Amino acid sequence: MKARGAVLSRRIAYTATVSDWGTLEAGEMVEILKHAHVVAAGEVEEVSRSGNVLWLVPPSPSDAQLFMKSDGVQVRRA
């Protein structure tokens, strides 16, 4: 049986915000946060080489959305 602290630590680490967007891969499900509120969610389509720009495909049929780190948004894996 696993220690409760170890399980909670992994869960917290998984839902933590991603500081280096360059580590995200196409197809990953993420949530976009601004001021601690989820403003968008979907699948990563592409991340710029610099890791400062992210294209997100929402779950409903729609065009990809563009998010920039300089806009003050954060990303976490969903």
N, C-alpha and C. Protein backbone atom coordinates (compact mmCIF):
# COMPACT_ATOMS: atom_id res chain seq x y z
N MET A 1 0.84 -1.17 0.00
CA MET A 1 0.00 0.00 0.00
C MET A 1 0.89 1.24 0.00
N LYS A 2 0.52 2.22 -0.80
CA LYS A 2 1.32 3.44 -0.90
C LYS A 2 0.97 4.40 0.22
N ALA A 3 1.95 5.15 0.60
CA ALA A 3 1.72 6.17 1.63
C ALA A 3 0.84 7.27 1.07
N ARG A 4 -0.08 7.74 1.86
CA ARG A 4 -1.01 8.77 1.43
C ARG A 4 -0.28 10.02 0.92
N GLY A 5 0.78 10.42 1.58
CA GLY A 5 1.54 11.60 1.18
C GLY A 5 2.14 11.47 -0.21
N ALA A 6 2.60 10.27 -0.54
CA ALA A 6 3.20 10.05 -1.86
C ALA A 6 2.16 10.18 -2.96
N VAL A 7 0.96 9.66 -2.73
CA VAL A 7 -0.11 9.73 -3.72
C VAL A 7 -0.53 11.18 -3.91
N LEU A 8 -0.72 11.92 -2.83
CA LEU A 8 -1.12 13.32 -2.94
C LEU A 8 -0.04 14.15 -3.61
N SER A 9 1.22 13.86 -3.33
CA SER A 9 2.31 14.62 -3.94
C SER A 9 2.31 14.44 -5.45
N ARG A 10 2.09 13.22 -5.94
CA ARG A 10 2.04 12.98 -7.38
C ARG A 10 0.86 13.69 -8.01
N ARG A 11 -0.28 13.67 -7.34
CA ARG A 11 -1.48 14.33 -7.86
C ARG A 11 -1.25 15.84 -7.96
N ILE A 12 -0.65 16.42 -6.94
CA ILE A 12 -0.36 17.85 -6.94
C ILE A 12 0.65 18.19 -8.04
N ALA A 13 1.66 17.36 -8.20
CA ALA A 13 2.66 17.60 -9.23
C ALA A 13 2.04 17.55 -10.61
N TYR A 14 1.08 16.66 -10.85
CA TYR A 14 0.46 16.51 -12.15
C TYR A 14 -0.39 17.73 -12.48
N THR A 15 -1.09 18.28 -11.49
CA THR A 15 -1.98 19.41 -11.74
C THR A 15 -1.28 20.75 -11.59
N ALA A 16 0.00 20.74 -11.27
CA ALA A 16 0.75 21.99 -11.14
C ALA A 16 0.87 22.65 -12.51
N THR A 17 1.02 23.95 -12.50
CA THR A 17 1.16 24.65 -13.77
C THR A 17 2.48 24.29 -14.43
N VAL A 18 2.48 24.33 -15.75
CA VAL A 18 3.66 24.00 -16.54
C VAL A 18 4.43 25.29 -16.79
N SER A 19 5.61 25.41 -16.21
CA SER A 19 6.38 26.64 -16.37
C SER A 19 7.11 26.68 -17.71
N ASP A 20 7.55 25.53 -18.20
CA ASP A 20 8.25 25.47 -19.49
C ASP A 20 7.30 24.89 -20.53
N TRP A 21 6.64 25.76 -21.28
CA TRP A 21 5.68 25.29 -22.28
C TRP A 21 6.33 24.44 -23.36
N GLY A 22 7.63 24.56 -23.52
CA GLY A 22 8.35 23.77 -24.51
C GLY A 22 8.30 22.27 -24.22
N THR A 23 7.96 21.90 -22.99
CA THR A 23 7.87 20.48 -22.64
C THR A 23 6.53 19.88 -23.04
N LEU A 24 5.57 20.72 -23.42
CA LEU A 24 4.26 20.20 -23.85
C LEU A 24 4.37 19.60 -25.24
N GLU A 25 3.60 18.56 -25.47
CA GLU A 25 3.61 17.89 -26.77
C GLU A 25 2.25 17.96 -27.41
N ALA A 26 2.23 17.94 -28.73
CA ALA A 26 0.98 17.95 -29.47
C ALA A 26 0.13 16.76 -29.02
N GLY A 27 -1.15 17.03 -28.80
CA GLY A 27 -2.08 15.98 -28.38
C GLY A 27 -2.35 15.96 -26.89
N GLU A 28 -1.53 16.63 -26.10
CA GLU A 28 -1.76 16.67 -24.64
C GLU A 28 -2.98 17.52 -24.34
N MET A 29 -3.75 17.11 -23.35
CA MET A 29 -4.90 17.88 -22.90
C MET A 29 -4.45 18.83 -21.81
N VAL A 30 -4.81 20.10 -21.96
CA VAL A 30 -4.40 21.12 -21.00
C VAL A 30 -5.54 22.08 -20.70
N GLU A 31 -5.36 22.84 -19.64
CA GLU A 31 -6.27 23.92 -19.28
C GLU A 31 -5.45 25.20 -19.24
N ILE A 32 -6.06 26.29 -19.70
CA ILE A 32 -5.43 27.60 -19.67
C ILE A 32 -6.04 28.38 -18.52
N LEU A 33 -5.20 28.92 -17.65
CA LEU A 33 -5.67 29.66 -16.48
C LEU A 33 -5.24 31.11 -16.55
N LYS A 34 -6.12 31.97 -16.11
CA LYS A 34 -5.79 33.39 -15.95
C LYS A 34 -6.44 33.84 -14.66
N HIS A 35 -5.66 34.40 -13.77
CA HIS A 35 -6.13 34.83 -12.45
C HIS A 35 -6.84 33.69 -11.72
N ALA A 36 -6.26 32.48 -11.80
CA ALA A 36 -6.74 31.27 -11.11
C ALA A 36 -8.08 30.76 -11.62
N HIS A 37 -8.51 31.22 -12.80
CA HIS A 37 -9.76 30.74 -13.40
C HIS A 37 -9.44 30.08 -14.74
N VAL A 38 -10.09 28.95 -15.01
CA VAL A 38 -9.91 28.27 -16.28
C VAL A 38 -10.62 29.08 -17.36
N VAL A 39 -9.87 29.56 -18.35
CA VAL A 39 -10.45 30.35 -19.43
C VAL A 39 -10.58 29.56 -20.72
N ALA A 40 -9.88 28.42 -20.80
CA ALA A 40 -9.96 27.57 -21.98
C ALA A 40 -9.41 26.20 -21.63
N ALA A 41 -9.82 25.22 -22.41
CA ALA A 41 -9.30 23.86 -22.24
C ALA A 41 -9.32 23.20 -23.61
N GLY A 42 -8.43 22.26 -23.81
CA GLY A 42 -8.41 21.55 -25.07
C GLY A 42 -7.10 20.81 -25.27
N GLU A 43 -6.84 20.52 -26.53
CA GLU A 43 -5.69 19.72 -26.92
C GLU A 43 -4.61 20.62 -27.52
N VAL A 44 -3.38 20.41 -27.09
CA VAL A 44 -2.26 21.18 -27.64
C VAL A 44 -2.10 20.82 -29.11
N GLU A 45 -2.14 21.84 -29.96
CA GLU A 45 -1.90 21.61 -31.39
C GLU A 45 -0.42 21.79 -31.70
N GLU A 46 0.15 22.86 -31.15
CA GLU A 46 1.55 23.16 -31.41
C GLU A 46 2.08 24.14 -30.36
N VAL A 47 3.38 24.07 -30.10
CA VAL A 47 4.05 25.01 -29.21
C VAL A 47 5.23 25.58 -29.99
N SER A 48 5.44 26.88 -29.89
CA SER A 48 6.55 27.52 -30.60
C SER A 48 7.88 27.00 -30.08
N ARG A 49 8.91 27.15 -30.88
CA ARG A 49 10.24 26.70 -30.47
C ARG A 49 10.71 27.41 -29.20
N SER A 50 10.33 28.68 -29.08
CA SER A 50 10.74 29.44 -27.90
C SER A 50 9.98 29.01 -26.65
N GLY A 51 8.84 28.33 -26.84
CA GLY A 51 8.03 27.90 -25.72
C GLY A 51 7.19 29.03 -25.13
N ASN A 52 7.01 30.10 -25.88
CA ASN A 52 6.24 31.24 -25.39
C ASN A 52 4.86 31.35 -26.02
N VAL A 53 4.59 30.55 -27.05
CA VAL A 53 3.31 30.60 -27.75
C VAL A 53 2.74 29.19 -27.85
N LEU A 54 1.43 29.08 -27.61
CA LEU A 54 0.76 27.78 -27.60
C LEU A 54 -0.51 27.88 -28.42
N TRP A 55 -0.72 26.91 -29.32
CA TRP A 55 -1.97 26.81 -30.07
C TRP A 55 -2.78 25.68 -29.46
N LEU A 56 -4.04 25.97 -29.17
CA LEU A 56 -4.92 25.04 -28.48
C LEU A 56 -6.15 24.77 -29.32
N VAL A 57 -6.51 23.50 -29.47
CA VAL A 57 -7.73 23.12 -30.18
C VAL A 57 -8.78 22.80 -29.12
N PRO A 58 -9.87 23.60 -29.06
CA PRO A 58 -10.92 23.33 -28.07
C PRO A 58 -11.67 22.05 -28.39
N PRO A 59 -12.37 21.46 -27.38
CA PRO A 59 -13.08 20.21 -27.61
C PRO A 59 -14.24 20.33 -28.62
N SER A 60 -14.90 21.47 -28.66
CA SER A 60 -15.98 21.64 -29.63
C SER A 60 -15.38 22.07 -30.96
N PRO A 61 -16.02 21.74 -32.07
CA PRO A 61 -15.47 22.13 -33.38
C PRO A 61 -15.30 23.65 -33.46
N SER A 62 -14.07 24.06 -33.56
CA SER A 62 -13.76 25.48 -33.61
C SER A 62 -12.33 25.64 -34.09
N ASP A 63 -11.95 26.86 -34.38
CA ASP A 63 -10.57 27.13 -34.80
C ASP A 63 -9.64 27.07 -33.59
N ALA A 64 -8.38 26.81 -33.88
CA ALA A 64 -7.38 26.77 -32.81
C ALA A 64 -7.25 28.16 -32.19
N GLN A 65 -6.98 28.18 -30.89
CA GLN A 65 -6.79 29.42 -30.17
C GLN A 65 -5.31 29.61 -29.87
N LEU A 66 -4.88 30.85 -29.86
CA LEU A 66 -3.49 31.18 -29.61
C LEU A 66 -3.36 31.79 -28.22
N PHE A 67 -2.39 31.31 -27.46
CA PHE A 67 -2.12 31.86 -26.13
C PHE A 67 -0.63 32.18 -26.03
N MET A 68 -0.33 33.29 -25.37
CA MET A 68 1.06 33.73 -25.22
C MET A 68 1.38 33.88 -23.74
N LYS A 69 2.58 33.47 -23.36
CA LYS A 69 3.00 33.63 -21.97
C LYS A 69 2.96 35.08 -21.54
N SER A 70 3.29 35.98 -22.46
CA SER A 70 3.33 37.41 -22.12
C SER A 70 1.95 37.97 -21.77
N ASP A 71 0.89 37.22 -22.09
CA ASP A 71 -0.46 37.65 -21.73
C ASP A 71 -0.81 37.31 -20.29
N GLY A 72 0.10 36.64 -19.60
CA GLY A 72 -0.11 36.33 -18.18
C GLY A 72 -0.93 35.08 -17.93
N VAL A 73 -1.04 34.21 -18.93
CA VAL A 73 -1.80 32.98 -18.72
C VAL A 73 -0.87 31.87 -18.27
N GLN A 74 -1.44 30.87 -17.61
CA GLN A 74 -0.69 29.70 -17.16
C GLN A 74 -1.33 28.46 -17.77
N VAL A 75 -0.56 27.40 -17.87
CA VAL A 75 -1.02 26.15 -18.45
C VAL A 75 -0.85 25.04 -17.42
N ARG A 76 -1.85 24.18 -17.32
CA ARG A 76 -1.70 22.97 -16.51
C ARG A 76 -2.29 21.80 -17.29
N ARG A 77 -1.69 20.65 -17.08
CA ARG A 77 -2.19 19.44 -17.74
C ARG A 77 -3.53 19.05 -17.16
N ALA A 78 -4.43 18.62 -18.03
CA ALA A 78 -5.78 18.25 -17.57
C ALA A 78 -5.89 16.76 -17.38
